[in-house]
C-alpha atoms as a PDB file:
ATOM      1  CA  MET A   1     -26.838  50.340  -9.717  1.00  0.00           C
ATOM      2  CA  SER A   2     -27.138  50.148  -5.939  1.00  0.00           C
ATOM      3  CA  ASP A   3     -30.687  48.823  -6.299  1.00  0.00           C
ATOM      4  CA  LYS A   4     -29.416  46.047  -8.550  1.00  0.00           C
ATOM      5  CA  LYS A   5     -26.742  45.102  -6.031  1.00  0.00           C
ATOM      6  CA  VAL A   6     -29.254  45.020  -3.220  1.00  0.00           C
ATOM      7  CA  THR A   7     -31.630  42.964  -5.355  1.00  0.00           C
ATOM      8  CA  SER A   8     -28.857  40.503  -6.234  1.00  0.00           C
ATOM      9  CA  SER A   9     -27.800  40.101  -2.603  1.00  0.00           C
ATOM     10  CA  ASP A  10     -31.416  39.716  -1.530  1.00  0.00           C
ATOM     11  CA  ALA A  11     -31.930  37.005  -4.150  1.00  0.00           C
ATOM     12  CA  SER A  12     -28.822  35.170  -2.947  1.00  0.00           C
ATOM     13  CA  ALA A  13     -29.992  35.439   0.646  1.00  0.00           C
ATOM     14  CA  GLN A  14     -33.443  34.185  -0.306  1.00  0.00           C
ATOM     15  CA  GLU A  15     -31.921  31.225  -2.200  1.00  0.00           C
ATOM     16  CA  THR A  16     -29.717  30.421   0.778  1.00  0.00           C
ATOM     17  CA  SER A  17     -32.664  30.592   3.147  1.00  0.00           C
ATOM     18  CA  ARG A  18     -34.715  28.299   0.909  1.00  0.00           C
ATOM     19  CA  THR A  19     -32.053  25.621   0.448  1.00  0.00           C
ATOM     20  CA  GLY A  20     -30.170  26.107   3.698  1.00  0.00           C
ATOM     21  CA  ILE A  21     -26.826  25.810   1.811  1.00  0.00           C
ATOM     22  CA  HIS A  22     -24.865  28.707   0.367  1.00  0.00           C
ATOM     23  CA  PRO A  23     -24.101  28.393  -3.389  1.00  0.00           C
ATOM     24  CA  LEU A  24     -20.356  28.503  -2.665  1.00  0.00           C
ATOM     25  CA  GLU A  25     -20.753  25.598  -0.250  1.00  0.00           C
ATOM     26  CA  ARG A  26     -22.609  23.619  -2.915  1.00  0.00           C
ATOM     27  CA  LEU A  27     -19.790  24.373  -5.366  1.00  0.00           C
ATOM     28  CA  GLU A  28     -17.208  23.282  -2.783  1.00  0.00           C
ATOM     29  CA  ASP A  29     -19.109  20.062  -2.117  1.00  0.00           C
ATOM     30  CA  GLY A  30     -19.304  19.367  -5.848  1.00  0.00           C
ATOM     31  CA  VAL A  31     -15.575  19.906  -6.355  1.00  0.00           C
ATOM     32  CA  GLU A  32     -14.703  17.720  -3.366  1.00  0.00           C
ATOM     33  CA  THR A  33     -17.077  14.990  -4.550  1.00  0.00           C
ATOM     34  CA  LEU A  34     -15.448  15.080  -7.977  1.00  0.00           C
ATOM     35  CA  LEU A  35     -11.948  14.920  -6.500  1.00  0.00           C
ATOM     36  CA  PHE A  36     -12.905  12.024  -4.255  1.00  0.00           C
ATOM     37  CA  ALA A  37     -14.452  10.166  -7.191  1.00  0.00           C
ATOM     38  CA  SER A  38     -11.243  10.653  -9.210  1.00  0.00           C
ATOM     39  CA  ARG A  39      -9.741   7.715  -7.302  1.00  0.00           C
ATOM     40  CA  TRP A  40     -11.687   5.422  -9.665  1.00  0.00           C
ATOM     41  CA  ILE A  41      -9.345   6.512 -12.450  1.00  0.00           C
ATOM     42  CA  LEU A  42      -6.849   4.109 -10.842  1.00  0.00           C
ATOM     43  CA  ALA A  43      -9.216   1.147 -11.179  1.00  0.00           C
ATOM     44  CA  PRO A  44      -8.251   0.347 -14.830  1.00  0.00           C
ATOM     45  CA  LEU A  45      -4.589   0.240 -13.750  1.00  0.00           C
ATOM     46  CA  TYR A  46      -5.296  -2.488 -11.198  1.00  0.00           C
ATOM     47  CA  LEU A  47      -7.462  -4.328 -13.726  1.00  0.00           C
ATOM     48  CA  GLY A  48      -4.492  -4.238 -16.105  1.00  0.00           C
ATOM     49  CA  LEU A  49      -2.224  -5.692 -13.430  1.00  0.00           C
ATOM     50  CA  ALA A  50      -4.784  -8.444 -12.799  1.00  0.00           C
ATOM     51  CA  ALA A  51      -4.899  -9.245 -16.518  1.00  0.00           C
ATOM     52  CA  SER A  52      -1.091  -9.381 -16.688  1.00  0.00           C
ATOM     53  CA  LEU A  53      -1.190 -12.189 -14.087  1.00  0.00           C
ATOM     54  CA  ALA A  54      -2.562 -14.359 -16.893  1.00  0.00           C
ATOM     55  CA  CYS A  55       0.615 -13.650 -18.890  1.00  0.00           C
ATOM     56  CA  LEU A  56       2.726 -14.744 -15.927  1.00  0.00           C
ATOM     57  CA  SER A  57       0.659 -17.919 -15.568  1.00  0.00           C
ATOM     58  CA  TYR A  58       1.181 -18.700 -19.250  1.00  0.00           C
ATOM     59  CA  LYS A  59       4.945 -18.182 -18.896  1.00  0.00           C
ATOM     60  CA  PHE A  60       5.011 -20.390 -15.794  1.00  0.00           C
ATOM     61  CA  ILE A  61       3.153 -23.211 -17.581  1.00  0.00           C
ATOM     62  CA  GLU A  62       5.410 -22.897 -20.632  1.00  0.00           C
ATOM     63  CA  THR A  63       8.570 -23.113 -18.484  1.00  0.00           C
ATOM     64  CA  PHE A  64       7.155 -26.038 -16.507  1.00  0.00           C
ATOM     65  CA  ILE A  65       6.302 -27.981 -19.693  1.00  0.00           C
ATOM     66  CA  GLN A  66       9.809 -27.392 -21.058  1.00  0.00           C
ATOM     67  CA  MET A  67      11.300 -28.658 -17.805  1.00  0.00           C
ATOM     68  CA  MET A  68       9.166 -31.806 -17.879  1.00  0.00           C
ATOM     69  CA  GLN A  69      10.058 -32.489 -21.526  1.00  0.00           C
ATOM     70  CA  THR A  70      13.791 -32.347 -20.844  1.00  0.00           C
ATOM     71  CA  ILE A  71      13.841 -33.776 -17.322  1.00  0.00           C
ATOM     72  CA  LYS A  72      15.205 -37.170 -18.410  1.00  0.00           C
ATOM     73  CA  SER A  73      18.156 -35.680 -20.263  1.00  0.00           C
ATOM     74  CA  SER A  74      18.817 -32.849 -17.792  1.00  0.00           C
ATOM     75  CA  ASP A  75      21.155 -33.004 -14.831  1.00  0.00           C
ATOM     76  CA  LEU A  76      20.417 -31.582 -11.383  1.00  0.00           C
ATOM     77  CA  HIS A  77      22.146 -28.310 -12.257  1.00  0.00           C
ATOM     78  CA  ALA A  78      19.838 -27.636 -15.225  1.00  0.00           C
ATOM     79  CA  ILE A  79      16.725 -28.643 -13.266  1.00  0.00           C
ATOM     80  CA  THR A  80      17.738 -26.330 -10.437  1.00  0.00           C
ATOM     81  CA  LEU A  81      18.022 -23.421 -12.869  1.00  0.00           C
ATOM     82  CA  GLN A  82      14.571 -24.143 -14.270  1.00  0.00           C
ATOM     83  CA  VAL A  83      13.077 -24.413 -10.776  1.00  0.00           C
ATOM     84  CA  LEU A  84      14.668 -21.066  -9.876  1.00  0.00           C
ATOM     85  CA  GLU A  85      13.028 -19.545 -12.937  1.00  0.00           C
ATOM     86  CA  LEU A  86       9.676 -20.925 -11.772  1.00  0.00           C
ATOM     87  CA  LEU A  87      10.279 -19.424  -8.332  1.00  0.00           C
ATOM     88  CA  ASP A  88      11.154 -16.117  -9.956  1.00  0.00           C
ATOM     89  CA  ILE A  89       7.847 -16.041 -11.846  1.00  0.00           C
ATOM     90  CA  THR A  90       5.919 -17.050  -8.724  1.00  0.00           C
ATOM     91  CA  LEU A  91       7.490 -14.322  -6.587  1.00  0.00           C
ATOM     92  CA  LEU A  92       6.697 -11.754  -9.262  1.00  0.00           C
ATOM     93  CA  GLY A  93       3.081 -12.948  -9.327  1.00  0.00           C
ATOM     94  CA  ASN A  94       2.860 -12.695  -5.532  1.00  0.00           C
ATOM     95  CA  LEU A  95       4.256  -9.181  -5.682  1.00  0.00           C
ATOM     96  CA  MET A  96       1.686  -8.165  -8.289  1.00  0.00           C
ATOM     97  CA  LEU A  97      -1.140  -9.658  -6.216  1.00  0.00           C
ATOM     98  CA  ILE A  98      -0.017  -7.714  -3.140  1.00  0.00           C
ATOM     99  CA  MET A  99       0.110  -4.540  -5.221  1.00  0.00           C
ATOM    100  CA  ILE A 100      -3.376  -5.167  -6.652  1.00  0.00           C
ATOM    101  CA  PHE A 101      -5.139  -5.965  -3.381  1.00  0.00           C
ATOM    102  CA  SER A 102      -3.359  -3.503  -1.098  1.00  0.00           C
ATOM    103  CA  GLY A 103      -3.144  -0.712  -3.656  1.00  0.00           C
ATOM    104  CA  TYR A 104      -6.827  -0.984  -4.566  1.00  0.00           C
ATOM    105  CA  GLU A 105      -7.945  -1.048  -0.923  1.00  0.00           C
ATOM    106  CA  ASN A 106      -5.653   1.817   0.086  1.00  0.00           C
ATOM    107  CA  PHE A 107      -6.333   4.155  -2.830  1.00  0.00           C
ATOM    108  CA  VAL A 108      -9.627   3.182  -4.499  1.00  0.00           C
ATOM    109  CA  SER A 109     -12.158   1.226  -2.427  1.00  0.00           C
ATOM    110  CA  LYS A 110     -12.530  -1.636   0.019  1.00  0.00           C
ATOM    111  CA  ILE A 111     -13.004  -5.025  -1.640  1.00  0.00           C
ATOM    112  CA  GLY A 112     -16.412  -5.885  -0.220  1.00  0.00           C
ATOM    113  CA  ALA A 113     -16.594  -9.199  -2.084  1.00  0.00           C
ATOM    114  CA  ALA A 114     -13.738 -10.563   0.058  1.00  0.00           C
ATOM    115  CA  GLU A 115     -15.025  -9.492   3.473  1.00  0.00           C
ATOM    116  CA  GLU A 116     -17.054 -12.643   4.128  1.00  0.00           C
ATOM    117  CA  SER A 117     -14.872 -15.011   2.112  1.00  0.00           C
ATOM    118  CA  GLU A 118     -12.975 -17.700   4.014  1.00  0.00           C
ATOM    119  CA  ASP A 119     -10.215 -17.457   1.408  1.00  0.00           C
ATOM    120  CA  ARG A 120      -9.540 -13.806   2.202  1.00  0.00           C
ATOM    121  CA  PRO A 121      -5.775 -13.413   2.837  1.00  0.00           C
ATOM    122  CA  SER A 122      -4.976 -12.534   6.433  1.00  0.00           C
ATOM    123  CA  TRP A 123      -2.985  -9.456   5.382  1.00  0.00           C
ATOM    124  CA  MET A 124      -5.806  -7.880   3.335  1.00  0.00           C
ATOM    125  CA  GLY A 125      -7.016  -4.667   4.930  1.00  0.00           C
ATOM    126  CA  LYS A 126      -3.987  -4.588   7.239  1.00  0.00           C
ATOM    127  CA  VAL A 127      -1.287  -3.501   4.778  1.00  0.00           C
ATOM    128  CA  ASP A 128      -1.182   0.293   4.673  1.00  0.00           C
ATOM    129  CA  TYR A 129       0.960   2.387   2.330  1.00  0.00           C
ATOM    130  CA  SER A 130       3.964   2.027   4.616  1.00  0.00           C
ATOM    131  CA  GLY A 131       3.572  -1.753   4.824  1.00  0.00           C
ATOM    132  CA  LEU A 132       3.096  -1.902   1.068  1.00  0.00           C
ATOM    133  CA  LYS A 133       6.496  -0.282   0.549  1.00  0.00           C
ATOM    134  CA  ILE A 134       8.157  -2.821   2.859  1.00  0.00           C
ATOM    135  CA  LYS A 135       6.518  -5.776   1.095  1.00  0.00           C
ATOM    136  CA  LEU A 136       7.446  -4.335  -2.292  1.00  0.00           C
ATOM    137  CA  ILE A 137      11.112  -3.885  -1.468  1.00  0.00           C
ATOM    138  CA  GLY A 138      11.205  -7.303   0.244  1.00  0.00           C
ATOM    139  CA  SER A 139       9.838  -8.989  -2.876  1.00  0.00           C
ATOM    140  CA  LEU A 140      12.327  -7.127  -5.067  1.00  0.00           C
ATOM    141  CA  VAL A 141      15.190  -8.301  -2.832  1.00  0.00           C
ATOM    142  CA  ALA A 142      13.973 -11.919  -3.074  1.00  0.00           C
ATOM    143  CA  ILE A 143      13.691 -11.705  -6.879  1.00  0.00           C
ATOM    144  CA  SER A 144      17.131 -10.121  -7.085  1.00  0.00           C
ATOM    145  CA  VAL A 145      18.625 -12.925  -4.957  1.00  0.00           C
ATOM    146  CA  ILE A 146      17.161 -15.577  -7.259  1.00  0.00           C
ATOM    147  CA  GLU A 147      18.491 -13.791 -10.356  1.00  0.00           C
ATOM    148  CA  LEU A 148      21.965 -13.596  -8.812  1.00  0.00           C
ATOM    149  CA  LEU A 149      21.831 -17.267  -7.832  1.00  0.00           C
ATOM    150  CA  LYS A 150      20.883 -18.230 -11.380  1.00  0.00           C
ATOM    151  CA  ASP A 151      23.802 -16.206 -12.745  1.00  0.00           C
ATOM    152  CA  PHE A 152      26.316 -17.694 -10.303  1.00  0.00           C
ATOM    153  CA  MET A 153      25.185 -21.207 -11.207  1.00  0.00           C
ATOM    154  CA  GLU A 154      25.863 -20.532 -14.892  1.00  0.00           C
ATOM    155  CA  THR A 155      29.588 -19.942 -14.450  1.00  0.00           C
ATOM    156  CA  GLU A 156      30.378 -20.526 -18.121  1.00  0.00           C
ATOM    157  CA  HIS A 157      28.314 -17.447 -19.060  1.00  0.00           C
ATOM    158  CA  LEU A 158      29.396 -15.327 -16.120  1.00  0.00           C
ATOM    159  CA  ASN A 159      30.300 -11.718 -16.950  1.00  0.00           C
ATOM    160  CA  PRO A 160      32.272 -10.209 -14.019  1.00  0.00           C
ATOM    161  CA  GLU A 161      31.530  -6.617 -14.984  1.00  0.00           C
ATOM    162  CA  LEU A 162      27.811  -7.294 -15.367  1.00  0.00           C
ATOM    163  CA  GLU A 163      27.647  -9.269 -12.136  1.00  0.00           C
ATOM    164  CA  ARG A 164      29.304  -6.451 -10.204  1.00  0.00           C
ATOM    165  CA  TRP A 165      26.528  -4.144 -11.335  1.00  0.00           C
ATOM    166  CA  ARG A 166      23.883  -6.718 -10.411  1.00  0.00           C
ATOM    167  CA  VAL A 167      25.382  -7.180  -6.959  1.00  0.00           C
ATOM    168  CA  ALA A 168      25.490  -3.388  -6.515  1.00  0.00           C
ATOM    169  CA  ILE A 169      21.821  -3.136  -7.520  1.00  0.00           C
ATOM    170  CA  HIS A 170      20.934  -5.971  -5.129  1.00  0.00           C
ATOM    171  CA  LEU A 171      22.751  -4.252  -2.259  1.00  0.00           C
ATOM    172  CA  THR A 172      20.899  -1.044  -3.141  1.00  0.00           C
ATOM    173  CA  PHE A 173      17.592  -2.918  -2.781  1.00  0.00           C
ATOM    174  CA  VAL A 174      18.735  -4.325   0.574  1.00  0.00           C
ATOM    175  CA  PHE A 175      19.857  -0.910   1.823  1.00  0.00           C
ATOM    176  CA  SER A 176      16.590   0.670   0.672  1.00  0.00           C
ATOM    177  CA  GLY A 177      14.606  -2.013   2.515  1.00  0.00           C
ATOM    178  CA  VAL A 178      16.557  -1.456   5.727  1.00  0.00           C
ATOM    179  CA  LEU A 179      16.132   2.310   5.360  1.00  0.00           C
ATOM    180  CA  PHE A 180      12.372   1.981   4.833  1.00  0.00           C
ATOM    181  CA  ALA A 181      12.124  -0.295   7.882  1.00  0.00           C
ATOM    182  CA  VAL A 182      14.077   2.164  10.058  1.00  0.00           C
ATOM    183  CA  MET A 183      11.924   5.077   8.862  1.00  0.00           C
ATOM    184  CA  ASP A 184       8.728   3.149   9.642  1.00  0.00           C
ATOM    185  CA  TYR A 185      10.091   2.185  13.070  1.00  0.00           C
ATOM    186  CA  ILE A 186      10.878   5.817  13.878  1.00  0.00           C
ATOM    187  CA  ALA A 187       7.442   6.934  12.676  1.00  0.00           C
ATOM    188  CA  ASP A 188       5.675   4.234  14.722  1.00  0.00           C
ATOM    189  CA  LYS A 189       7.779   5.073  17.782  1.00  0.00           C
ATOM    190  CA  ARG A 190       6.940   8.758  17.448  1.00  0.00           C
ATOM    191  CA  HIS A 191       3.247   7.975  17.049  1.00  0.00           C
ATOM    192  CA  SER A 192       3.373   5.752  20.142  1.00  0.00           C
ATOM    193  CA  ILE A 193       5.066   8.492  22.176  1.00  0.00           C
ATOM    194  CA  GLU A 194       2.497  11.068  21.060  1.00  0.00           C
ATOM    195  CA  LEU A 195      -0.329   8.668  21.919  1.00  0.00           C
ATOM    196  CA  ASP A 196       1.113   7.985  25.372  1.00  0.00           C
ATOM    197  CA  ALA A 197       1.503  11.715  25.985  1.00  0.00           C
ATOM    198  CA  GLU A 198      -2.123  12.301  24.987  1.00  0.00           C
ATOM    199  CA  VAL A 199      -3.322   9.535  27.305  1.00  0.00           C
ATOM    200  CA  LYS A 200      -1.298  10.939  30.202  1.00  0.00           C
ATOM    201  CA  HIS A 201      -2.658  14.417  29.500  1.00  0.00           C
ATOM    202  CA  LEU A 202      -6.218  13.078  29.654  1.00  0.00           C
ATOM    203  CA  GLU A 203      -5.449  11.231  32.888  1.00  0.00           C
ATOM    204  CA  ILE A 204      -4.007  14.408  34.446  1.00  0.00           C
ATOM    205  CA  ALA A 205      -7.066  16.390  33.330  1.00  0.00           C
ATOM    206  CA  LYS A 206      -9.330  13.748  34.839  1.00  0.00           C
ATOM    207  CA  LEU A 207      -7.412  13.787  38.132  1.00  0.00           C
ATOM    208  CA  ALA A 208      -7.566  17.592  38.196  1.00  0.00           C
ATOM    209  CA  ALA A 209     -11.328  17.519  37.663  1.00  0.00           C
ATOM    210  CA  GLU A 210     -11.747  14.939  40.438  1.00  0.00           C
ATOM    211  CA  PHE A 211      -9.565  17.050  42.754  1.00  0.00           C
ATOM    212  CA  GLU A 212     -11.663  20.155  42.046  1.00  0.00           C
ATOM    213  CA  GLN A 213     -14.804  18.155  42.734  1.00  0.00           C
ATOM    214  CA  PHE A 214     -13.295  16.917  46.007  1.00  0.00           C
ATOM    215  CA  LYS A 215     -12.443  20.498  47.065  1.00  0.00           C
ATOM    216  CA  LYS A 216     -15.986  21.623  46.305  1.00  0.00           C
ATOM    217  CA  SER A 217     -17.398  18.784  48.387  1.00  0.00           C
ATOM    218  CA  LEU A 218     -15.129  19.732  51.307  1.00  0.00           C
ATOM    219  CA  ALA A 219     -16.119  23.363  51.009  1.00  0.00           C
ATOM    220  CA  ALA A 220     -19.802  22.405  51.015  1.00  0.00           C
ATOM    221  CA  GLU A 221     -19.331  20.459  54.230  1.00  0.00           C
END
C-alpha cells in the first residue's frame, strides 16, 4: 500500500514537473474561467431589452398618428395629454437604452464597436453601477412626474384615493433618489479621504528615505 502511495505521489510530482502547473491549479483556473464566462448568460437579456425598444417605437408611432388624425378637432388640453404620452414613451426608451449600454458594459463586455464611432454617447464607459442606479431612479422620477401631470390634467376622471397612492409612490422614488445620491456622496468622500491619506503616507515615506540618505551622506563626509 505504501508503495502505491509513493508511486502515486511520484507520478503527480512528475506530471507537475512536466507541465509546470499543479493539477489543482489547472482545476482552479478552469473553474474561474467558467465563472468569468458565465457573464455571457446576461447577453440574451440585453438583446431582449433592445428588441423591446422596437415595441416602444411602434407604440410611439401609433400614438403620434392618432394625435395627427385628431389634431383639427382636438383642443390644446387634449393635444397636451397626447404629447405627454409621447414624452412618457420617449423617457422609457431612454431609460432602457441606458440600462442596455451601461449594464452590458459593466457586467458583460465592453462595446468595442462603439469605441471609434463619432456617435458614441459621451456617458458610455463612464456610468458605473452606482451611476446607473442614480440614472435609473432619476428616469423613474421623471416618468412618475409625467404620469401625475397627465392625471391632474384629466380632472373629470380624477380618483382622490388613487392619486394619493400615486403621489406617495412618487415621493418614495424621490426619497430613494436622494438617499442613493447621499450614499454615493459619502462613498466618494470616503474614497477621496483614503486616497489622500495614501498619498500623504507615500510622501512621508519618501521624505524619510531622503532624510536617511542625507544622514548617510553627512556621516560619509
